[in-house]
C-alpha atoms as a PDB file:
ATOM      1  CA  MET A   1      -7.515  52.537  -7.651  1.00  0.00           C
ATOM      2  CA  LYS A   2      -9.867  50.494  -9.874  1.00  0.00           C
ATOM      3  CA  GLU A   3      -9.604  46.871  -9.528  1.00  0.00           C
ATOM      4  CA  GLU A   4      -8.761  44.975 -12.759  1.00  0.00           C
ATOM      5  CA  THR A   5     -11.436  42.706 -14.391  1.00  0.00           C
ATOM      6  CA  ASP A   6     -11.486  40.009 -17.064  1.00  0.00           C
ATOM      7  CA  GLU A   7     -13.817  40.195 -19.703  1.00  0.00           C
ATOM      8  CA  SER A   8     -16.290  38.303 -17.532  1.00  0.00           C
ATOM      9  CA  GLY A   9     -16.268  41.157 -15.219  1.00  0.00           C
ATOM     10  CA  ILE A  10     -14.799  39.190 -12.189  1.00  0.00           C
ATOM     11  CA  SER A  11     -11.659  40.539 -10.475  1.00  0.00           C
ATOM     12  CA  ALA A  12      -8.354  38.789  -9.799  1.00  0.00           C
ATOM     13  CA  TRP A  13      -9.241  38.658  -6.200  1.00  0.00           C
ATOM     14  CA  SER A  14     -12.869  37.601  -6.603  1.00  0.00           C
ATOM     15  CA  LYS A  15     -11.354  34.626  -8.802  1.00  0.00           C
ATOM     16  CA  ILE A  16      -9.148  33.783  -5.817  1.00  0.00           C
ATOM     17  CA  ILE A  17     -11.673  33.716  -3.066  1.00  0.00           C
ATOM     18  CA  LEU A  18     -14.199  31.852  -5.551  1.00  0.00           C
ATOM     19  CA  ALA A  19     -11.328  29.123  -5.972  1.00  0.00           C
ATOM     20  CA  VAL A  20     -10.928  28.763  -2.257  1.00  0.00           C
ATOM     21  CA  LYS A  21     -12.184  25.272  -1.210  1.00  0.00           C
ATOM     22  CA  GLY A  22     -11.191  23.588   1.902  1.00  0.00           C
ATOM     23  CA  PRO A  23      -8.520  23.843   4.626  1.00  0.00           C
ATOM     24  CA  VAL A  24      -5.660  24.011   2.379  1.00  0.00           C
ATOM     25  CA  GLY A  25      -7.545  26.689   0.085  1.00  0.00           C
ATOM     26  CA  ILE A  26      -8.339  28.719   3.420  1.00  0.00           C
ATOM     27  CA  MET A  27      -4.713  28.429   4.439  1.00  0.00           C
ATOM     28  CA  THR A  28      -3.504  29.501   1.456  1.00  0.00           C
ATOM     29  CA  LEU A  29      -5.678  32.433   0.953  1.00  0.00           C
ATOM     30  CA  VAL A  30      -4.990  33.871   4.422  1.00  0.00           C
ATOM     31  CA  ALA A  31      -1.263  33.609   3.883  1.00  0.00           C
ATOM     32  CA  LEU A  32      -1.829  35.658   0.517  1.00  0.00           C
ATOM     33  CA  VAL A  33      -3.511  38.132   2.259  1.00  0.00           C
ATOM     34  CA  LEU A  34      -0.903  38.429   4.914  1.00  0.00           C
ATOM     35  CA  GLN A  35       1.923  38.420   2.294  1.00  0.00           C
ATOM     36  CA  SER A  36       0.117  41.345   0.592  1.00  0.00           C
ATOM     37  CA  ILE A  37      -0.224  43.389   3.966  1.00  0.00           C
ATOM     38  CA  LEU A  38       3.277  42.737   4.834  1.00  0.00           C
ATOM     39  CA  GLY A  39       4.483  43.540   0.876  1.00  0.00           C
ATOM     40  CA  ALA A  40       2.535  46.800   1.300  1.00  0.00           C
ATOM     41  CA  LEU A  41       3.944  47.954   4.433  1.00  0.00           C
ATOM     42  CA  ALA A  42       7.706  46.937   3.396  1.00  0.00           C
ATOM     43  CA  ILE A  43       7.488  49.447   0.410  1.00  0.00           C
ATOM     44  CA  ARG A  44       6.567  52.291   2.903  1.00  0.00           C
ATOM     45  CA  VAL A  45       9.212  51.962   5.294  1.00  0.00           C
ATOM     46  CA  SER A  46      12.991  51.381   5.176  1.00  0.00           C
ATOM     47  CA  GLY A  47      15.614  50.125   7.042  1.00  0.00           C
ATOM     48  CA  ASN A  48      15.428  47.658   9.670  1.00  0.00           C
ATOM     49  CA  ASN A  49      11.869  48.041   9.695  1.00  0.00           C
ATOM     50  CA  GLN A  50      11.796  46.904   6.160  1.00  0.00           C
ATOM     51  CA  LEU A  51      13.973  43.872   6.653  1.00  0.00           C
ATOM     52  CA  ILE A  52      11.635  43.052   9.596  1.00  0.00           C
ATOM     53  CA  LEU A  53       8.663  42.683   7.349  1.00  0.00           C
ATOM     54  CA  ILE A  54      10.551  41.018   4.573  1.00  0.00           C
ATOM     55  CA  ILE A  55      11.641  38.151   7.011  1.00  0.00           C
ATOM     56  CA  GLY A  56       8.002  38.155   8.267  1.00  0.00           C
ATOM     57  CA  MET A  57       6.540  37.598   4.586  1.00  0.00           C
ATOM     58  CA  VAL A  58       9.044  34.696   4.268  1.00  0.00           C
ATOM     59  CA  GLY A  59       8.315  33.435   7.876  1.00  0.00           C
ATOM     60  CA  VAL A  60       4.344  33.644   6.767  1.00  0.00           C
ATOM     61  CA  LEU A  61       5.242  31.610   3.472  1.00  0.00           C
ATOM     62  CA  PHE A  62       7.271  28.669   5.834  1.00  0.00           C
ATOM     63  CA  LEU A  63       4.676  28.368   7.946  1.00  0.00           C
ATOM     64  CA  LEU A  64       1.883  27.937   5.038  1.00  0.00           C
ATOM     65  CA  VAL A  65       4.360  25.423   3.481  1.00  0.00           C
ATOM     66  CA  ALA A  66       4.925  23.541   6.784  1.00  0.00           C
ATOM     67  CA  GLY A  67       1.149  23.654   7.632  1.00  0.00           C
ATOM     68  CA  ILE A  68       0.125  22.173   4.407  1.00  0.00           C
ATOM     69  CA  ILE A  69       2.571  19.513   4.414  1.00  0.00           C
ATOM     70  CA  VAL A  70       1.298  18.671   7.954  1.00  0.00           C
ATOM     71  CA  LEU A  71      -2.571  19.022   7.078  1.00  0.00           C
ATOM     72  CA  VAL A  72      -2.205  16.805   3.839  1.00  0.00           C
ATOM     73  CA  TYR A  73       0.036  14.079   5.442  1.00  0.00           C
ATOM     74  CA  ARG A  74      -2.781  13.407   7.947  1.00  0.00           C
ATOM     75  CA  ASN A  75      -5.545  13.958   5.761  1.00  0.00           C
ATOM     76  CA  PRO A  76      -4.429  12.944   1.992  1.00  0.00           C
ATOM     77  CA  GLU A  77      -8.106  12.975   0.991  1.00  0.00           C
ATOM     78  CA  LEU A  78      -7.729  16.836   0.770  1.00  0.00           C
ATOM     79  CA  LEU A  79      -5.544  16.530  -2.366  1.00  0.00           C
ATOM     80  CA  GLY A  80      -7.892  13.897  -4.109  1.00  0.00           C
ATOM     81  CA  HIS A  81      -5.899  10.623  -2.675  1.00  0.00           C
ATOM     82  CA  ARG A  82      -7.897   7.747  -1.958  1.00  0.00           C
ATOM     83  CA  VAL A  83      -8.020   7.264   1.739  1.00  0.00           C
ATOM     84  CA  VAL A  84      -8.224   3.346   3.264  1.00  0.00           C
ATOM     85  CA  SER A  85     -11.656   2.484   4.514  1.00  0.00           C
ATOM     86  CA  GLN A  86     -12.740   0.183   6.848  1.00  0.00           C
ATOM     87  CA  GLU A  87     -13.692  -2.193   3.879  1.00  0.00           C
ATOM     88  CA  ASP A  88     -10.118  -2.239   2.785  1.00  0.00           C
ATOM     89  CA  ARG A  89      -8.799  -2.715   6.449  1.00  0.00           C
ATOM     90  CA  LYS A  90     -10.558  -5.934   6.493  1.00  0.00           C
ATOM     91  CA  ILE A  91      -7.831  -7.409   3.893  1.00  0.00           C
ATOM     92  CA  THR A  92      -4.815  -6.088   5.435  1.00  0.00           C
ATOM     93  CA  GLY A  93      -2.492  -7.896   7.525  1.00  0.00           C
ATOM     94  CA  ALA A  94      -0.944 -11.146   7.718  1.00  0.00           C
ATOM     95  CA  TRP A  95      -1.864 -14.053   5.300  1.00  0.00           C
ATOM     96  CA  TRP A  96      -0.836 -17.797   5.175  1.00  0.00           C
ATOM     97  CA  GLN A  97      -0.524 -18.864   1.478  1.00  0.00           C
ATOM     98  CA  TYR A  98      -0.800 -22.572   0.543  1.00  0.00           C
ATOM     99  CA  VAL A  99      -0.207 -23.876  -3.137  1.00  0.00           C
ATOM    100  CA  VAL A 100      -2.713 -26.588  -3.672  1.00  0.00           C
ATOM    101  CA  ASN A 101      -1.613 -27.513  -7.270  1.00  0.00           C
ATOM    102  CA  SER A 102       1.987 -28.139  -6.874  1.00  0.00           C
ATOM    103  CA  ASP A 103       4.580 -29.778  -4.467  1.00  0.00           C
ATOM    104  CA  ASN A 104       7.460 -28.081  -5.947  1.00  0.00           C
ATOM    105  CA  GLY A 105       9.159 -24.890  -4.631  1.00  0.00           C
ATOM    106  CA  ALA A 106       7.534 -22.692  -1.888  1.00  0.00           C
ATOM    107  CA  VAL A 107       4.130 -24.213  -1.220  1.00  0.00           C
ATOM    108  CA  VAL A 108       3.553 -22.338   1.883  1.00  0.00           C
ATOM    109  CA  SER A 109       4.256 -18.523   2.250  1.00  0.00           C
ATOM    110  CA  PHE A 110       3.672 -15.819   4.593  1.00  0.00           C
ATOM    111  CA  ILE A 111       2.494 -12.719   3.381  1.00  0.00           C
ATOM    112  CA  THR A 112       1.726  -9.623   5.031  1.00  0.00           C
ATOM    113  CA  ILE A 113      -0.584  -6.916   2.927  1.00  0.00           C
ATOM    114  CA  LYS A 114      -0.318  -3.182   3.765  1.00  0.00           C
ATOM    115  CA  TYR A 115      -2.044   0.155   2.426  1.00  0.00           C
ATOM    116  CA  LEU A 116       0.689   2.729   3.172  1.00  0.00           C
ATOM    117  CA  GLN A 117      -1.667   5.963   3.674  1.00  0.00           C
ATOM    118  CA  PRO A 118       1.384   8.573   3.031  1.00  0.00           C
ATOM    119  CA  PHE A 119       1.992   7.645  -0.501  1.00  0.00           C
ATOM    120  CA  CYS A 120      -1.579   5.892  -1.112  1.00  0.00           C
ATOM    121  CA  ILE A 121      -0.177   2.735  -2.203  1.00  0.00           C
ATOM    122  CA  TRP A 122      -0.913  -0.914  -1.481  1.00  0.00           C
ATOM    123  CA  GLU A 123       2.210  -3.165  -0.588  1.00  0.00           C
ATOM    124  CA  LEU A 124       2.519  -7.018  -0.740  1.00  0.00           C
ATOM    125  CA  LYS A 125       5.632  -9.093   0.512  1.00  0.00           C
ATOM    126  CA  GLY A 126       6.059 -12.200   1.774  1.00  0.00           C
ATOM    127  CA  LYS A 127       8.649 -15.442   2.352  1.00  0.00           C
ATOM    128  CA  GLY A 128       8.099 -18.921   1.049  1.00  0.00           C
ATOM    129  CA  TRP A 129       9.055 -22.447   2.372  1.00  0.00           C
ATOM    130  CA  THR A 130       9.114 -26.078   0.835  1.00  0.00           C
ATOM    131  CA  ARG A 131       7.156 -28.840   2.368  1.00  0.00           C
ATOM    132  CA  GLU A 132      10.221 -29.893   4.579  1.00  0.00           C
ATOM    133  CA  GLY A 133      10.120 -26.280   6.078  1.00  0.00           C
ATOM    134  CA  GLU A 134      13.026 -24.986   4.131  1.00  0.00           C
ATOM    135  CA  TRP A 135      13.064 -21.219   3.397  1.00  0.00           C
ATOM    136  CA  ILE A 136      13.653 -20.866  -0.209  1.00  0.00           C
ATOM    137  CA  ALA A 137      12.303 -17.548  -1.500  1.00  0.00           C
ATOM    138  CA  ARG A 138      11.130 -14.313  -0.768  1.00  0.00           C
ATOM    139  CA  PHE A 139       9.130 -11.773  -2.778  1.00  0.00           C
ATOM    140  CA  TRP A 140       7.717  -8.351  -2.995  1.00  0.00           C
ATOM    141  CA  SER A 141       5.067  -6.264  -4.947  1.00  0.00           C
ATOM    142  CA  GLN A 142       6.035  -3.961  -7.893  1.00  0.00           C
ATOM    143  CA  ALA A 143       2.468  -2.849  -8.475  1.00  0.00           C
ATOM    144  CA  VAL A 144      -0.677  -3.601  -6.780  1.00  0.00           C
ATOM    145  CA  ALA A 145      -4.216  -2.727  -7.461  1.00  0.00           C
ATOM    146  CA  TYR A 146      -7.402  -3.472  -5.264  1.00  0.00           C
ATOM    147  CA  ASP A 147     -10.889  -3.533  -6.290  1.00  0.00           C
ATOM    148  CA  MET A 148     -12.961  -2.819  -3.313  1.00  0.00           C
ATOM    149  CA  LYS A 149     -16.375  -3.932  -4.960  1.00  0.00           C
ATOM    150  CA  THR A 150     -15.223  -7.529  -5.807  1.00  0.00           C
ATOM    151  CA  ARG A 151     -12.515  -7.689  -2.994  1.00  0.00           C
ATOM    152  CA  GLU A 152      -9.936  -8.855  -5.689  1.00  0.00           C
ATOM    153  CA  LEU A 153      -6.360  -7.820  -5.232  1.00  0.00           C
ATOM    154  CA  PHE A 154      -4.036  -7.598  -8.411  1.00  0.00           C
ATOM    155  CA  TYR A 155      -0.618  -7.700  -8.043  1.00  0.00           C
ATOM    156  CA  TYR A 156       3.109  -7.716 -10.283  1.00  0.00           C
ATOM    157  CA  TRP A 157       5.369  -9.248  -8.051  1.00  0.00           C
ATOM    158  CA  LYS A 158       9.456  -9.793  -8.027  1.00  0.00           C
ATOM    159  CA  GLY A 159      11.612 -12.090  -6.035  1.00  0.00           C
ATOM    160  CA  GLU A 160      14.270 -14.424  -5.499  1.00  0.00           C
ATOM    161  CA  HIS A 161      15.783 -17.674  -4.085  1.00  0.00           C
ATOM    162  CA  PRO A 162      18.391 -15.997  -2.184  1.00  0.00           C
ATOM    163  CA  PHE A 163      20.214 -19.481  -1.064  1.00  0.00           C
ATOM    164  CA  ASN A 164      20.313 -20.764  -4.508  1.00  0.00           C
ATOM    165  CA  LYS A 165      23.876 -20.776  -6.029  1.00  0.00           C
ATOM    166  CA  SER A 166      22.784 -18.729  -8.690  1.00  0.00           C
ATOM    167  CA  ALA A 167      20.492 -16.863  -6.620  1.00  0.00           C
ATOM    168  CA  GLU A 168      17.658 -16.999  -9.207  1.00  0.00           C
ATOM    169  CA  LYS A 169      15.219 -14.077  -9.667  1.00  0.00           C
ATOM    170  CA  TYR A 170      11.669 -14.558 -10.512  1.00  0.00           C
ATOM    171  CA  PHE A 171       8.638 -12.614 -11.231  1.00  0.00           C
ATOM    172  CA  GLY A 172       5.028 -12.758 -12.183  1.00  0.00           C
ATOM    173  CA  VAL A 173       1.554 -11.678 -11.698  1.00  0.00           C
ATOM    174  CA  GLY A 174      -1.033 -12.650  -9.337  1.00  0.00           C
ATOM    175  CA  GLU A 175      -4.764 -12.479  -8.110  1.00  0.00           C
ATOM    176  CA  ILE A 176      -6.189 -12.910  -4.723  1.00  0.00           C
ATOM    177  CA  ALA A 177     -10.239 -12.986  -4.244  1.00  0.00           C
ATOM    178  CA  PHE A 178     -11.203 -12.377  -0.724  1.00  0.00           C
ATOM    179  CA  ALA A 179     -14.348 -14.313   0.703  1.00  0.00           C
ATOM    180  CA  THR A 180     -17.031 -11.912   1.440  1.00  0.00           C
ATOM    181  CA  HIS A 181     -18.564 -12.629   4.850  1.00  0.00           C
ATOM    182  CA  ASP A 182     -20.963  -9.262   5.320  1.00  0.00           C
ATOM    183  CA  ASP A 183     -19.474  -7.164   8.123  1.00  0.00           C
ATOM    184  CA  LYS A 184     -17.116 -10.056   9.482  1.00  0.00           C
ATOM    185  CA  ALA A 185     -13.493 -10.038   8.948  1.00  0.00           C
ATOM    186  CA  VAL A 186     -12.216 -11.316   5.902  1.00  0.00           C
ATOM    187  CA  SER A 187     -10.468 -14.866   6.938  1.00  0.00           C
ATOM    188  CA  THR A 188     -10.195 -16.692   3.741  1.00  0.00           C
ATOM    189  CA  ALA A 189      -9.252 -16.157   0.031  1.00  0.00           C
ATOM    190  CA  GLY A 190      -8.665 -18.013  -3.198  1.00  0.00           C
ATOM    191  CA  GLY A 191      -6.356 -16.940  -5.886  1.00  0.00           C
ATOM    192  CA  TRP A 192      -3.435 -17.821  -8.254  1.00  0.00           C
ATOM    193  CA  TYR A 193       0.057 -16.627  -9.539  1.00  0.00           C
ATOM    194  CA  SER A 194       2.595 -17.141 -12.258  1.00  0.00           C
ATOM    195  CA  ALA A 195       6.080 -17.347 -11.845  1.00  0.00           C
ATOM    196  CA  SER A 196       8.576 -17.000 -14.500  1.00  0.00           C
ATOM    197  CA  PRO A 197      12.594 -17.205 -13.982  1.00  0.00           C
ATOM    198  CA  SER A 198      14.092 -14.276 -15.380  1.00  0.00           C
ATOM    199  CA  GLU A 199      16.847 -16.570 -17.107  1.00  0.00           C
ATOM    200  CA  LYS A 200      14.446 -18.973 -18.434  1.00  0.00           C
ATOM    201  CA  LEU A 201      11.136 -17.021 -19.544  1.00  0.00           C
ATOM    202  CA  ASP A 202       9.669 -20.020 -21.015  1.00  0.00           C
ATOM    203  CA  ASN A 203       9.474 -22.152 -17.557  1.00  0.00           C
ATOM    204  CA  THR A 204       6.706 -20.073 -16.427  1.00  0.00           C
ATOM    205  CA  VAL A 205       4.389 -21.823 -14.232  1.00  0.00           C
ATOM    206  CA  LYS A 206       1.032 -20.976 -12.686  1.00  0.00           C
ATOM    207  CA  LYS A 207       0.030 -22.020  -9.131  1.00  0.00           C
ATOM    208  CA  SER A 208      -3.478 -22.047  -7.752  1.00  0.00           C
ATOM    209  CA  ALA A 209      -3.607 -21.154  -4.046  1.00  0.00           C
ATOM    210  CA  ILE A 210      -5.744 -20.610  -1.081  1.00  0.00           C
ATOM    211  CA  TYR A 211      -5.299 -18.167   1.993  1.00  0.00           C
ATOM    212  CA  VAL A 212      -6.131 -18.213   5.357  1.00  0.00           C
ATOM    213  CA  ARG A 213      -5.655 -15.504   7.915  1.00  0.00           C
ATOM    214  CA  GLY A 214      -2.429 -15.195  10.274  1.00  0.00           C
ATOM    215  CA  ASP A 215      -1.944 -12.776  12.986  1.00  0.00           C
ATOM    216  CA  GLU A 216       0.511 -10.784  15.359  1.00  0.00           C
ATOM    217  CA  ASP A 217       1.943 -13.841  16.680  1.00  0.00           C
ATOM    218  CA  ASP A 218       2.592 -15.435  13.640  1.00  0.00           C
ATOM    219  CA  ILE A 219       4.506 -12.090  12.290  1.00  0.00           C
ATOM    220  CA  LYS A 220       6.872 -12.286  15.531  1.00  0.00           C
ATOM    221  CA  VAL A 221       7.675 -16.010  14.928  1.00  0.00           C
ATOM    222  CA  VAL A 222       8.423 -15.818  11.150  1.00  0.00           C
ATOM    223  CA  TYR A 223      10.420 -12.541  11.472  1.00  0.00           C
ATOM    224  CA  GLY A 224      11.717 -13.393  14.905  1.00  0.00           C
ATOM    225  CA  ASN A 225      15.262 -15.183  15.794  1.00  0.00           C
ATOM    226  CA  ASN A 226      13.969 -18.576  17.220  1.00  0.00           C
ATOM    227  CA  ASP A 227      14.227 -20.923  14.713  1.00  0.00           C
ATOM    228  CA  ASP A 228      12.899 -23.930  16.683  1.00  0.00           C
ATOM    229  CA  VAL A 229       9.392 -21.688  17.104  1.00  0.00           C
ATOM    230  CA  LEU A 230       9.656 -20.896  13.602  1.00  0.00           C
ATOM    231  CA  GLN A 231       9.905 -24.931  12.652  1.00  0.00           C
ATOM    232  CA  ASN A 232       7.044 -25.745  14.686  1.00  0.00           C
ATOM    233  CA  LEU A 233       4.866 -23.127  13.411  1.00  0.00           C
ATOM    234  CA  LEU A 234       5.692 -24.183   9.719  1.00  0.00           C
ATOM    235  CA  LYS A 235       5.277 -27.604  10.570  1.00  0.00           C
ATOM    236  CA  LYS A 236       1.604 -26.719  11.565  1.00  0.00           C
ATOM    237  CA  ARG A 237       1.047 -24.908   8.352  1.00  0.00           C
ATOM    238  CA  VAL A 238       2.382 -27.510   6.199  1.00  0.00           C
ATOM    239  CA  GLU A 239       0.073 -30.280   7.727  1.00  0.00           C
ATOM    240  CA  GLU A 240      -3.027 -27.739   7.339  1.00  0.00           C
ATOM    241  CA  ARG A 241      -1.894 -27.330   3.741  1.00  0.00           C
ATOM    242  CA  GLU A 242      -1.876 -31.007   3.124  1.00  0.00           C
ATOM    243  CA  LYS A 243      -5.252 -31.507   4.812  1.00  0.00           C
ATOM    244  CA  LYS A 244      -6.794 -28.647   2.437  1.00  0.00           C
ATOM    245  CA  CYS A 245      -5.082 -30.065  -0.672  1.00  0.00           C
ATOM    246  CA  LYS A 246      -6.842 -33.544   0.087  1.00  0.00           C
ATOM    247  CA  GLN A 247      -9.915 -31.959   0.621  1.00  0.00           C
ATOM    248  CA  GLY A 248      -9.603 -30.108  -2.612  1.00  0.00           C
ATOM    249  CA  ALA A 249      -8.987 -33.389  -4.531  1.00  0.00           C
ATOM    250  CA  LYS A 250     -11.930 -35.156  -3.011  1.00  0.00           C
ATOM    251  CA  TYR A 251     -14.024 -32.300  -3.951  1.00  0.00           C
ATOM    252  CA  ALA A 252     -12.699 -32.346  -7.371  1.00  0.00           C
ATOM    253  CA  GLU A 253     -13.450 -36.255  -7.533  1.00  0.00           C
ATOM    254  CA  ASN A 254     -16.986 -35.863  -6.642  1.00  0.00           C
ATOM    255  CA  VAL A 255     -17.738 -33.173  -8.931  1.00  0.00           C
ATOM    256  CA  GLY A 256     -15.769 -34.666 -11.622  1.00  0.00           C
END
């Protein structure tokens, strides 16, 4: 039987073969070939033999789907998704955020930045404390974009003051510009963020902040159960924040 061709003279099978690109395409082509062979045999037999061939066709389809899921999960770039690079990894992890233009509300925050590879999205979340070491805020990102060329991270966030009587809700946007030190790990950054109460949109404030690296020990303390150790850590961070605020004020006077 003559194989059907389109106006360009290319057959359907030729189109399929030409379309095969990468491991996923090869797996799909192999499955199609096996399905065709089993289907042709199933037409020529009957009874138990036919049932076995039909089950085989379903099995091949199941194995194909399972194989593609595993392959894509481990290699999301096969679907054209962005894969986290070594440059990206330089900004992931724990960060301390120090507000330098205001003493109100949360002036010291602990932030973690992650790149969720399976979903190809950035995630930012954190907790904030007052100058006295009182935990008053928690927040999380709703959308994050990272410009690898400029090392700037832009985000839209939501948060709350969980222990406030009215459990105030907040939202805002922010930007973090990470310092560039050639091939070394990124350890400092600067930026700003806005905070708007959901109930009082006219009370929006904009806060400037600087960022210094945290580590795995900080994560264990912040999310651990030892309040005494946490308070000692916060005391050190609040003191560091005060020093940086004074340094910033002195610099502003000298250039002003």
